[in-house]
Amino acid sequence: MSEHVLVGIEDAVMTIRLNRPDKKNALTRAMYATLAAALRDGDVDPAVRCRVVLGAPGAFSSGNDLADFLAVATGGEGGTEVFDFLRALAEAQKPIVSGVDGIAVGVGTTMHLHCDLTFATPESVFRTPFVDLGLVPEAGSSLLAPALMGRQRAFALLALGDGFSAEQAREAGMIHRVVAAEVLEAQVQAAARALAAKPPEALKIARDLMLGPRDALLARIDEESRHFRARLTSDEARAAFMAFMNRKQTG
């Protein structure tokens, strides 16, 4: 478990908050493990009817902690925590509402493709620099994004690495609503409480019908994960990680 993920339950809503603001909520293996456990616990806890995922002001998440990934890319042992989290997200049995303010990078963007409602502030920017780091898309985004946004916008997001503003993300169908920063959490929690108050069996059936069978999604997550693991030890990824770390040290 990680002290950088806060989990609480109130009014049938489980709130999961990323709490590593000094690192812009960069996700470590321990944070991924805590996130996966929270999602799975919420699925089986009758006291939970909806989940909320939030970041910090100005930083939902800057993506993966590259120190973790650099260790894998340079020959260290690779953990399975990130892939466990992605499967828990794709398999989630109860609604998830997310709120984004500021940067949402990599998995900080792709996880919202699994959320049922996402609210974002005008200052939010969604970006996935996978290819720039010698990697490939993850979280089933190579399947979900083209279906949601159309192939060209998905390619701009996942391959070209274009940043999407909150309004561009809303127009593309990535998020539900753009709201002011000062009301973001209130709007997210209000939506979650409204969902939690609905008849749970009817809500689950409606959600399952809209999601459809998840076999193809889970298979795509596994396929992406195989490529992602292989890419982590590639010369391209090693060079990209080292260049990024050097820029951080000299910047």
C-alpha atoms as a PDB file:
ATOM      1  CA  MET A   1       0.000   0.000   0.000  1.00  0.00           C
ATOM      2  CA  SER A   2       1.069   3.579  -0.603  1.00  0.00           C
ATOM      3  CA  GLU A   3       0.661   6.681   1.528  1.00  0.00           C
ATOM      4  CA  HIS A   4       0.454   8.571  -1.759  1.00  0.00           C
ATOM      5  CA  VAL A   5      -3.063   7.296  -2.462  1.00  0.00           C
ATOM      6  CA  LEU A   6      -5.828   8.306  -0.054  1.00  0.00           C
ATOM      7  CA  VAL A   7      -9.000   6.205   0.051  1.00  0.00           C
ATOM      8  CA  GLY A   8     -12.183   7.020   1.942  1.00  0.00           C
ATOM      9  CA  ILE A   9     -15.889   6.124   1.824  1.00  0.00           C
ATOM     10  CA  GLU A  10     -18.766   8.514   2.504  1.00  0.00           C
ATOM     11  CA  ASP A  11     -22.403   8.421   1.386  1.00  0.00           C
ATOM     12  CA  ALA A  12     -21.785   5.192  -0.576  1.00  0.00           C
ATOM     13  CA  VAL A  13     -19.034   6.899  -2.590  1.00  0.00           C
ATOM     14  CA  MET A  14     -15.431   5.686  -2.417  1.00  0.00           C
ATOM     15  CA  THR A  15     -13.066   8.591  -3.071  1.00  0.00           C
ATOM     16  CA  ILE A  16      -9.597   7.680  -4.339  1.00  0.00           C
ATOM     17  CA  ARG A  17      -7.210  10.618  -4.300  1.00  0.00           C
ATOM     18  CA  LEU A  18      -3.709  10.687  -5.776  1.00  0.00           C
ATOM     19  CA  ASN A  19      -1.607  12.429  -3.138  1.00  0.00           C
ATOM     20  CA  ARG A  20       1.932  12.979  -4.350  1.00  0.00           C
ATOM     21  CA  PRO A  21       1.707  16.647  -5.327  1.00  0.00           C
ATOM     22  CA  ASP A  22       5.447  17.308  -4.926  1.00  0.00           C
ATOM     23  CA  LYS A  23       6.008  14.897  -7.850  1.00  0.00           C
ATOM     24  CA  LYS A  24       2.919  16.045  -9.779  1.00  0.00           C
ATOM     25  CA  ASN A  25       1.264  12.743  -8.837  1.00  0.00           C
ATOM     26  CA  ALA A  26       3.711  10.625 -10.819  1.00  0.00           C
ATOM     27  CA  LEU A  27       2.581   7.052 -10.222  1.00  0.00           C
ATOM     28  CA  THR A  28       4.874   4.541  -8.531  1.00  0.00           C
ATOM     29  CA  ARG A  29       4.427   0.783  -8.373  1.00  0.00           C
ATOM     30  CA  ALA A  30       3.153   1.076  -4.803  1.00  0.00           C
ATOM     31  CA  MET A  31       0.575   3.639  -5.912  1.00  0.00           C
ATOM     32  CA  TYR A  32      -0.600   1.346  -8.723  1.00  0.00           C
ATOM     33  CA  ALA A  33      -0.972  -1.522  -6.251  1.00  0.00           C
ATOM     34  CA  THR A  34      -3.051   0.652  -3.923  1.00  0.00           C
ATOM     35  CA  LEU A  35      -5.233   1.873  -6.786  1.00  0.00           C
ATOM     36  CA  ALA A  36      -5.892  -1.679  -8.004  1.00  0.00           C
ATOM     37  CA  ALA A  37      -6.750  -2.857  -4.482  1.00  0.00           C
ATOM     38  CA  ALA A  38      -9.126   0.082  -3.944  1.00  0.00           C
ATOM     39  CA  LEU A  39     -10.999  -0.624  -7.179  1.00  0.00           C
ATOM     40  CA  ARG A  40     -11.333  -4.326  -6.423  1.00  0.00           C
ATOM     41  CA  ASP A  41     -12.334  -3.683  -2.809  1.00  0.00           C
ATOM     42  CA  GLY A  42     -14.985  -1.234  -3.971  1.00  0.00           C
ATOM     43  CA  ASP A  43     -16.405  -3.773  -6.395  1.00  0.00           C
ATOM     44  CA  VAL A  44     -17.141  -6.265  -3.596  1.00  0.00           C
ATOM     45  CA  ASP A  45     -18.022  -3.832  -0.792  1.00  0.00           C
ATOM     46  CA  PRO A  46     -21.816  -3.396  -0.550  1.00  0.00           C
ATOM     47  CA  ALA A  47     -21.253  -0.052   1.176  1.00  0.00           C
ATOM     48  CA  VAL A  48     -19.749   1.312  -2.068  1.00  0.00           C
ATOM     49  CA  ARG A  49     -21.964   2.159  -5.030  1.00  0.00           C
ATOM     50  CA  CYS A  50     -19.727   4.557  -6.953  1.00  0.00           C
ATOM     51  CA  ARG A  51     -16.057   5.539  -7.061  1.00  0.00           C
ATOM     52  CA  VAL A  52     -14.429   8.946  -7.481  1.00  0.00           C
ATOM     53  CA  VAL A  53     -10.840   9.454  -8.662  1.00  0.00           C
ATOM     54  CA  LEU A  54      -9.160  12.815  -8.074  1.00  0.00           C
ATOM     55  CA  GLY A  55      -5.692  14.304  -8.312  1.00  0.00           C
ATOM     56  CA  ALA A  56      -4.188  17.493  -6.899  1.00  0.00           C
ATOM     57  CA  PRO A  57      -4.800  21.096  -7.965  1.00  0.00           C
ATOM     58  CA  GLY A  58      -2.774  21.652 -11.126  1.00  0.00           C
ATOM     59  CA  ALA A  59      -1.765  18.017 -11.505  1.00  0.00           C
ATOM     60  CA  PHE A  60      -4.083  15.084 -11.918  1.00  0.00           C
ATOM     61  CA  SER A  61      -1.035  12.954 -12.776  1.00  0.00           C
ATOM     62  CA  SER A  62       2.197  13.423 -14.682  1.00  0.00           C
ATOM     63  CA  GLY A  63       2.046   9.726 -15.613  1.00  0.00           C
ATOM     64  CA  ASN A  64       4.416   6.966 -14.623  1.00  0.00           C
ATOM     65  CA  ASP A  65       7.317   7.623 -12.277  1.00  0.00           C
ATOM     66  CA  LEU A  66      10.128   7.367 -14.799  1.00  0.00           C
ATOM     67  CA  ALA A  67      12.642   6.348 -12.136  1.00  0.00           C
ATOM     68  CA  ASP A  68      10.677   3.082 -11.787  1.00  0.00           C
ATOM     69  CA  PHE A  69      10.592   2.610 -15.540  1.00  0.00           C
ATOM     70  CA  LEU A  70      14.242   3.541 -15.955  1.00  0.00           C
ATOM     71  CA  ALA A  71      15.165   0.783 -13.494  1.00  0.00           C
ATOM     72  CA  VAL A  72      13.303  -1.740 -15.657  1.00  0.00           C
ATOM     73  CA  ALA A  73      14.749  -0.331 -18.881  1.00  0.00           C
ATOM     74  CA  THR A  74      18.299  -0.654 -17.541  1.00  0.00           C
ATOM     75  CA  GLY A  75      17.916  -4.248 -16.421  1.00  0.00           C
ATOM     76  CA  GLY A  76      16.004  -4.109 -13.158  1.00  0.00           C
ATOM     77  CA  GLU A  77      13.104  -6.333 -12.206  1.00  0.00           C
ATOM     78  CA  GLY A  78       9.809  -5.220 -13.695  1.00  0.00           C
ATOM     79  CA  GLY A  79       6.734  -5.238 -11.480  1.00  0.00           C
ATOM     80  CA  THR A  80       3.236  -6.173 -12.540  1.00  0.00           C
ATOM     81  CA  GLU A  81       1.476  -3.479 -10.520  1.00  0.00           C
ATOM     82  CA  VAL A  82       0.636  -1.184 -13.415  1.00  0.00           C
ATOM     83  CA  PHE A  83      -0.896  -3.992 -15.462  1.00  0.00           C
ATOM     84  CA  ASP A  84      -2.877  -5.239 -12.436  1.00  0.00           C
ATOM     85  CA  PHE A  85      -4.317  -1.746 -12.089  1.00  0.00           C
ATOM     86  CA  LEU A  86      -5.240  -1.522 -15.769  1.00  0.00           C
ATOM     87  CA  ARG A  87      -7.118  -4.808 -15.603  1.00  0.00           C
ATOM     88  CA  ALA A  88      -8.891  -3.764 -12.381  1.00  0.00           C
ATOM     89  CA  LEU A  89      -9.939  -0.565 -14.152  1.00  0.00           C
ATOM     90  CA  ALA A  90     -11.243  -2.395 -17.214  1.00  0.00           C
ATOM     91  CA  GLU A  91     -13.038  -4.994 -15.084  1.00  0.00           C
ATOM     92  CA  ALA A  92     -14.641  -2.460 -12.707  1.00  0.00           C
ATOM     93  CA  GLN A  93     -18.202  -3.420 -11.832  1.00  0.00           C
ATOM     94  CA  LYS A  94     -19.360  -0.083 -10.405  1.00  0.00           C
ATOM     95  CA  PRO A  95     -19.342   3.433 -11.882  1.00  0.00           C
ATOM     96  CA  ILE A  96     -16.225   5.607 -11.764  1.00  0.00           C
ATOM     97  CA  VAL A  97     -16.345   9.405 -11.884  1.00  0.00           C
ATOM     98  CA  SER A  98     -13.086  11.322 -12.283  1.00  0.00           C
ATOM     99  CA  GLY A  99     -12.015  14.929 -11.880  1.00  0.00           C
ATOM    100  CA  VAL A 100      -9.012  16.464 -13.650  1.00  0.00           C
ATOM    101  CA  ASP A 101      -7.246  19.742 -13.016  1.00  0.00           C
ATOM    102  CA  GLY A 102      -3.984  20.608 -14.770  1.00  0.00           C
ATOM    103  CA  ILE A 103      -1.702  18.030 -16.329  1.00  0.00           C
ATOM    104  CA  ALA A 104      -2.918  14.537 -17.207  1.00  0.00           C
ATOM    105  CA  VAL A 105      -0.064  12.675 -18.880  1.00  0.00           C
ATOM    106  CA  GLY A 106       0.159   9.091 -20.153  1.00  0.00           C
ATOM    107  CA  VAL A 107      -1.913   6.851 -17.914  1.00  0.00           C
ATOM    108  CA  GLY A 108      -3.138  10.102 -16.359  1.00  0.00           C
ATOM    109  CA  THR A 109      -5.044  10.496 -19.630  1.00  0.00           C
ATOM    110  CA  THR A 110      -5.808   6.918 -20.660  1.00  0.00           C
ATOM    111  CA  MET A 111      -7.429   5.882 -17.376  1.00  0.00           C
ATOM    112  CA  HIS A 112     -10.265   8.350 -18.066  1.00  0.00           C
ATOM    113  CA  LEU A 113     -11.241   6.344 -21.142  1.00  0.00           C
ATOM    114  CA  HIS A 114     -12.521   3.782 -18.614  1.00  0.00           C
ATOM    115  CA  CYS A 115     -14.377   6.299 -16.451  1.00  0.00           C
ATOM    116  CA  ASP A 116     -18.116   6.709 -16.813  1.00  0.00           C
ATOM    117  CA  LEU A 117     -18.009  10.467 -16.293  1.00  0.00           C
ATOM    118  CA  THR A 118     -14.993  12.787 -16.306  1.00  0.00           C
ATOM    119  CA  PHE A 119     -15.045  16.453 -15.357  1.00  0.00           C
ATOM    120  CA  ALA A 120     -12.078  18.717 -16.133  1.00  0.00           C
ATOM    121  CA  THR A 121     -11.098  22.317 -15.565  1.00  0.00           C
ATOM    122  CA  PRO A 122     -10.216  24.721 -18.405  1.00  0.00           C
ATOM    123  CA  GLU A 123      -6.566  24.486 -17.291  1.00  0.00           C
ATOM    124  CA  SER A 124      -6.419  20.736 -17.925  1.00  0.00           C
ATOM    125  CA  VAL A 125      -4.220  19.271 -20.660  1.00  0.00           C
ATOM    126  CA  PHE A 126      -4.376  15.632 -21.743  1.00  0.00           C
ATOM    127  CA  ARG A 127      -1.246  14.199 -23.370  1.00  0.00           C
ATOM    128  CA  THR A 128       0.201  10.730 -24.042  1.00  0.00           C
ATOM    129  CA  PRO A 129       3.904  10.846 -25.021  1.00  0.00           C
ATOM    130  CA  PHE A 130       4.227   7.062 -25.311  1.00  0.00           C
ATOM    131  CA  VAL A 131       5.936   6.983 -28.707  1.00  0.00           C
ATOM    132  CA  ASP A 132       8.255   9.842 -27.708  1.00  0.00           C
ATOM    133  CA  LEU A 133       9.532   7.577 -24.905  1.00  0.00           C
ATOM    134  CA  GLY A 134       9.972   4.606 -27.237  1.00  0.00           C
ATOM    135  CA  LEU A 135       6.843   2.961 -25.828  1.00  0.00           C
ATOM    136  CA  VAL A 136       3.336   2.096 -27.022  1.00  0.00           C
ATOM    137  CA  PRO A 137      -0.175   3.041 -25.855  1.00  0.00           C
ATOM    138  CA  GLU A 138      -1.589   1.195 -22.840  1.00  0.00           C
ATOM    139  CA  ALA A 139      -4.812   0.766 -20.827  1.00  0.00           C
ATOM    140  CA  GLY A 140      -6.627  -0.498 -23.913  1.00  0.00           C
ATOM    141  CA  SER A 141      -6.369   3.025 -25.340  1.00  0.00           C
ATOM    142  CA  SER A 142      -5.397   1.727 -28.795  1.00  0.00           C
ATOM    143  CA  LEU A 143      -8.865   0.135 -28.925  1.00  0.00           C
ATOM    144  CA  LEU A 144     -10.932   2.620 -26.908  1.00  0.00           C
ATOM    145  CA  ALA A 145      -9.642   5.915 -28.300  1.00  0.00           C
ATOM    146  CA  PRO A 146     -10.274   5.242 -32.031  1.00  0.00           C
ATOM    147  CA  ALA A 147     -13.759   3.930 -31.230  1.00  0.00           C
ATOM    148  CA  LEU A 148     -14.501   6.996 -29.111  1.00  0.00           C
ATOM    149  CA  MET A 149     -12.761   9.785 -31.014  1.00  0.00           C
ATOM    150  CA  GLY A 150     -12.245   8.483 -34.522  1.00  0.00           C
ATOM    151  CA  ARG A 151      -8.936   7.177 -35.821  1.00  0.00           C
ATOM    152  CA  GLN A 152      -7.352  10.509 -36.752  1.00  0.00           C
ATOM    153  CA  ARG A 153      -7.911  12.249 -33.424  1.00  0.00           C
ATOM    154  CA  ALA A 154      -6.869   9.078 -31.605  1.00  0.00           C
ATOM    155  CA  PHE A 155      -3.689   8.950 -33.692  1.00  0.00           C
ATOM    156  CA  ALA A 156      -2.956  12.596 -32.865  1.00  0.00           C
ATOM    157  CA  LEU A 157      -3.349  11.811 -29.160  1.00  0.00           C
ATOM    158  CA  LEU A 158      -1.616   8.425 -28.941  1.00  0.00           C
ATOM    159  CA  ALA A 159       1.049   8.539 -31.675  1.00  0.00           C
ATOM    160  CA  LEU A 160       1.710  12.173 -32.568  1.00  0.00           C
ATOM    161  CA  GLY A 161       1.536  13.066 -28.881  1.00  0.00           C
ATOM    162  CA  ASP A 162      -0.593  16.183 -29.326  1.00  0.00           C
ATOM    163  CA  GLY A 163      -1.860  17.760 -26.142  1.00  0.00           C
ATOM    164  CA  PHE A 164      -5.652  18.077 -25.917  1.00  0.00           C
ATOM    165  CA  SER A 165      -7.186  20.975 -24.012  1.00  0.00           C
ATOM    166  CA  ALA A 166     -10.198  20.298 -21.833  1.00  0.00           C
ATOM    167  CA  GLU A 167     -12.504  21.699 -24.502  1.00  0.00           C
ATOM    168  CA  GLN A 168     -10.855  19.615 -27.225  1.00  0.00           C
ATOM    169  CA  ALA A 169     -11.196  16.548 -25.009  1.00  0.00           C
ATOM    170  CA  ARG A 170     -14.878  17.315 -24.457  1.00  0.00           C
ATOM    171  CA  GLU A 171     -15.479  17.755 -28.186  1.00  0.00           C
ATOM    172  CA  ALA A 172     -13.721  14.435 -28.814  1.00  0.00           C
ATOM    173  CA  GLY A 173     -15.943  12.649 -26.294  1.00  0.00           C
ATOM    174  CA  MET A 174     -13.102  11.966 -23.851  1.00  0.00           C
ATOM    175  CA  ILE A 175     -14.706  13.909 -21.000  1.00  0.00           C
ATOM    176  CA  HIS A 176     -18.221  14.842 -19.937  1.00  0.00           C
ATOM    177  CA  ARG A 177     -17.981  18.461 -18.857  1.00  0.00           C
ATOM    178  CA  VAL A 178     -15.578  21.377 -18.404  1.00  0.00           C
ATOM    179  CA  VAL A 179     -16.066  23.168 -15.069  1.00  0.00           C
ATOM    180  CA  ALA A 180     -14.252  25.863 -13.096  1.00  0.00           C
ATOM    181  CA  ALA A 181     -11.459  24.676 -10.819  1.00  0.00           C
ATOM    182  CA  GLU A 182     -13.195  25.960  -7.696  1.00  0.00           C
ATOM    183  CA  VAL A 183     -16.236  23.734  -8.277  1.00  0.00           C
ATOM    184  CA  LEU A 184     -14.508  20.669  -9.769  1.00  0.00           C
ATOM    185  CA  GLU A 185     -14.622  18.432  -6.713  1.00  0.00           C
ATOM    186  CA  ALA A 186     -18.149  19.502  -5.791  1.00  0.00           C
ATOM    187  CA  GLN A 187     -19.380  18.670  -9.305  1.00  0.00           C
ATOM    188  CA  VAL A 188     -17.604  15.303  -9.304  1.00  0.00           C
ATOM    189  CA  GLN A 189     -18.927  14.345  -5.881  1.00  0.00           C
ATOM    190  CA  ALA A 190     -22.465  15.476  -6.757  1.00  0.00           C
ATOM    191  CA  ALA A 191     -22.463  13.273  -9.858  1.00  0.00           C
ATOM    192  CA  ALA A 192     -21.105  10.335  -7.851  1.00  0.00           C
ATOM    193  CA  ARG A 193     -23.714  10.748  -5.115  1.00  0.00           C
ATOM    194  CA  ALA A 194     -26.458  10.945  -7.734  1.00  0.00           C
ATOM    195  CA  LEU A 195     -25.257   7.651  -9.219  1.00  0.00           C
ATOM    196  CA  ALA A 196     -24.917   6.067  -5.774  1.00  0.00           C
ATOM    197  CA  ALA A 197     -28.537   6.953  -5.013  1.00  0.00           C
ATOM    198  CA  LYS A 198     -29.915   5.125  -8.057  1.00  0.00           C
ATOM    199  CA  PRO A 199     -31.232   1.526  -7.932  1.00  0.00           C
ATOM    200  CA  PRO A 200     -27.931  -0.374  -8.047  1.00  0.00           C
ATOM    201  CA  GLU A 201     -29.038  -3.419 -10.055  1.00  0.00           C
ATOM    202  CA  ALA A 202     -30.676  -1.286 -12.761  1.00  0.00           C
ATOM    203  CA  LEU A 203     -27.597   0.945 -12.876  1.00  0.00           C
ATOM    204  CA  LYS A 204     -25.257  -2.028 -13.209  1.00  0.00           C
ATOM    205  CA  ILE A 205     -27.299  -3.531 -16.050  1.00  0.00           C
ATOM    206  CA  ALA A 206     -27.453  -0.183 -17.867  1.00  0.00           C
ATOM    207  CA  ARG A 207     -23.692   0.305 -17.460  1.00  0.00           C
ATOM    208  CA  ASP A 208     -22.913  -3.249 -18.605  1.00  0.00           C
ATOM    209  CA  LEU A 209     -25.109  -2.817 -21.676  1.00  0.00           C
ATOM    210  CA  MET A 210     -23.247   0.343 -22.661  1.00  0.00           C
ATOM    211  CA  LEU A 211     -19.837  -1.207 -22.043  1.00  0.00           C
ATOM    212  CA  GLY A 212     -20.673  -4.444 -23.819  1.00  0.00           C
ATOM    213  CA  PRO A 213     -18.510  -7.571 -23.570  1.00  0.00           C
ATOM    214  CA  ARG A 214     -15.070  -6.780 -22.208  1.00  0.00           C
ATOM    215  CA  ASP A 215     -13.198  -9.732 -23.663  1.00  0.00           C
ATOM    216  CA  ALA A 216     -11.782  -7.741 -26.586  1.00  0.00           C
ATOM    217  CA  LEU A 217     -10.744  -4.879 -24.288  1.00  0.00           C
ATOM    218  CA  LEU A 218      -8.966  -7.168 -21.833  1.00  0.00           C
ATOM    219  CA  ALA A 219      -7.252  -8.975 -24.708  1.00  0.00           C
ATOM    220  CA  ARG A 220      -6.070  -5.620 -26.098  1.00  0.00           C
ATOM    221  CA  ILE A 221      -4.744  -4.572 -22.669  1.00  0.00           C
ATOM    222  CA  ASP A 222      -2.780  -7.816 -22.511  1.00  0.00           C
ATOM    223  CA  GLU A 223      -1.464  -7.317 -26.062  1.00  0.00           C
ATOM    224  CA  GLU A 224      -0.431  -3.733 -25.323  1.00  0.00           C
ATOM    225  CA  SER A 225       1.207  -4.885 -22.095  1.00  0.00           C
ATOM    226  CA  ARG A 226       3.348  -7.452 -23.930  1.00  0.00           C
ATOM    227  CA  HIS A 227       4.562  -4.788 -26.338  1.00  0.00           C
ATOM    228  CA  PHE A 228       5.027  -2.283 -23.506  1.00  0.00           C
ATOM    229  CA  ARG A 229       7.204  -4.677 -21.474  1.00  0.00           C
ATOM    230  CA  ALA A 230       9.308  -5.477 -24.518  1.00  0.00           C
ATOM    231  CA  ARG A 231       9.693  -1.800 -25.388  1.00  0.00           C
ATOM    232  CA  LEU A 232      10.856  -0.930 -21.869  1.00  0.00           C
ATOM    233  CA  THR A 233      14.093  -2.819 -22.497  1.00  0.00           C
ATOM    234  CA  SER A 234      14.546  -1.538 -26.058  1.00  0.00           C
ATOM    235  CA  ASP A 235      17.425   0.709 -27.058  1.00  0.00           C
ATOM    236  CA  GLU A 236      14.911   3.386 -28.077  1.00  0.00           C
ATOM    237  CA  ALA A 237      13.283   3.472 -24.656  1.00  0.00           C
ATOM    238  CA  ARG A 238      16.587   3.409 -22.780  1.00  0.00           C
ATOM    239  CA  ALA A 239      17.853   6.368 -24.817  1.00  0.00           C
ATOM    240  CA  ALA A 240      14.591   8.292 -24.368  1.00  0.00           C
ATOM    241  CA  PHE A 241      14.503   7.699 -20.614  1.00  0.00           C
ATOM    242  CA  MET A 242      18.133   8.662 -20.137  1.00  0.00           C
ATOM    243  CA  ALA A 243      17.650  11.841 -22.202  1.00  0.00           C
ATOM    244  CA  PHE A 244      14.599  12.754 -20.137  1.00  0.00           C
ATOM    245  CA  MET A 245      16.375  12.153 -16.828  1.00  0.00           C
ATOM    246  CA  ASN A 246      19.387  14.175 -18.008  1.00  0.00           C
ATOM    247  CA  ARG A 247      17.121  17.079 -18.953  1.00  0.00           C
ATOM    248  CA  LYS A 248      15.576  16.977 -15.493  1.00  0.00           C
ATOM    249  CA  GLN A 249      18.979  17.013 -13.806  1.00  0.00           C
ATOM    250  CA  THR A 250      20.335  19.882 -15.909  1.00  0.00           C
ATOM    251  CA  GLY A 251      17.106  21.828 -16.253  1.00  0.00           C
END
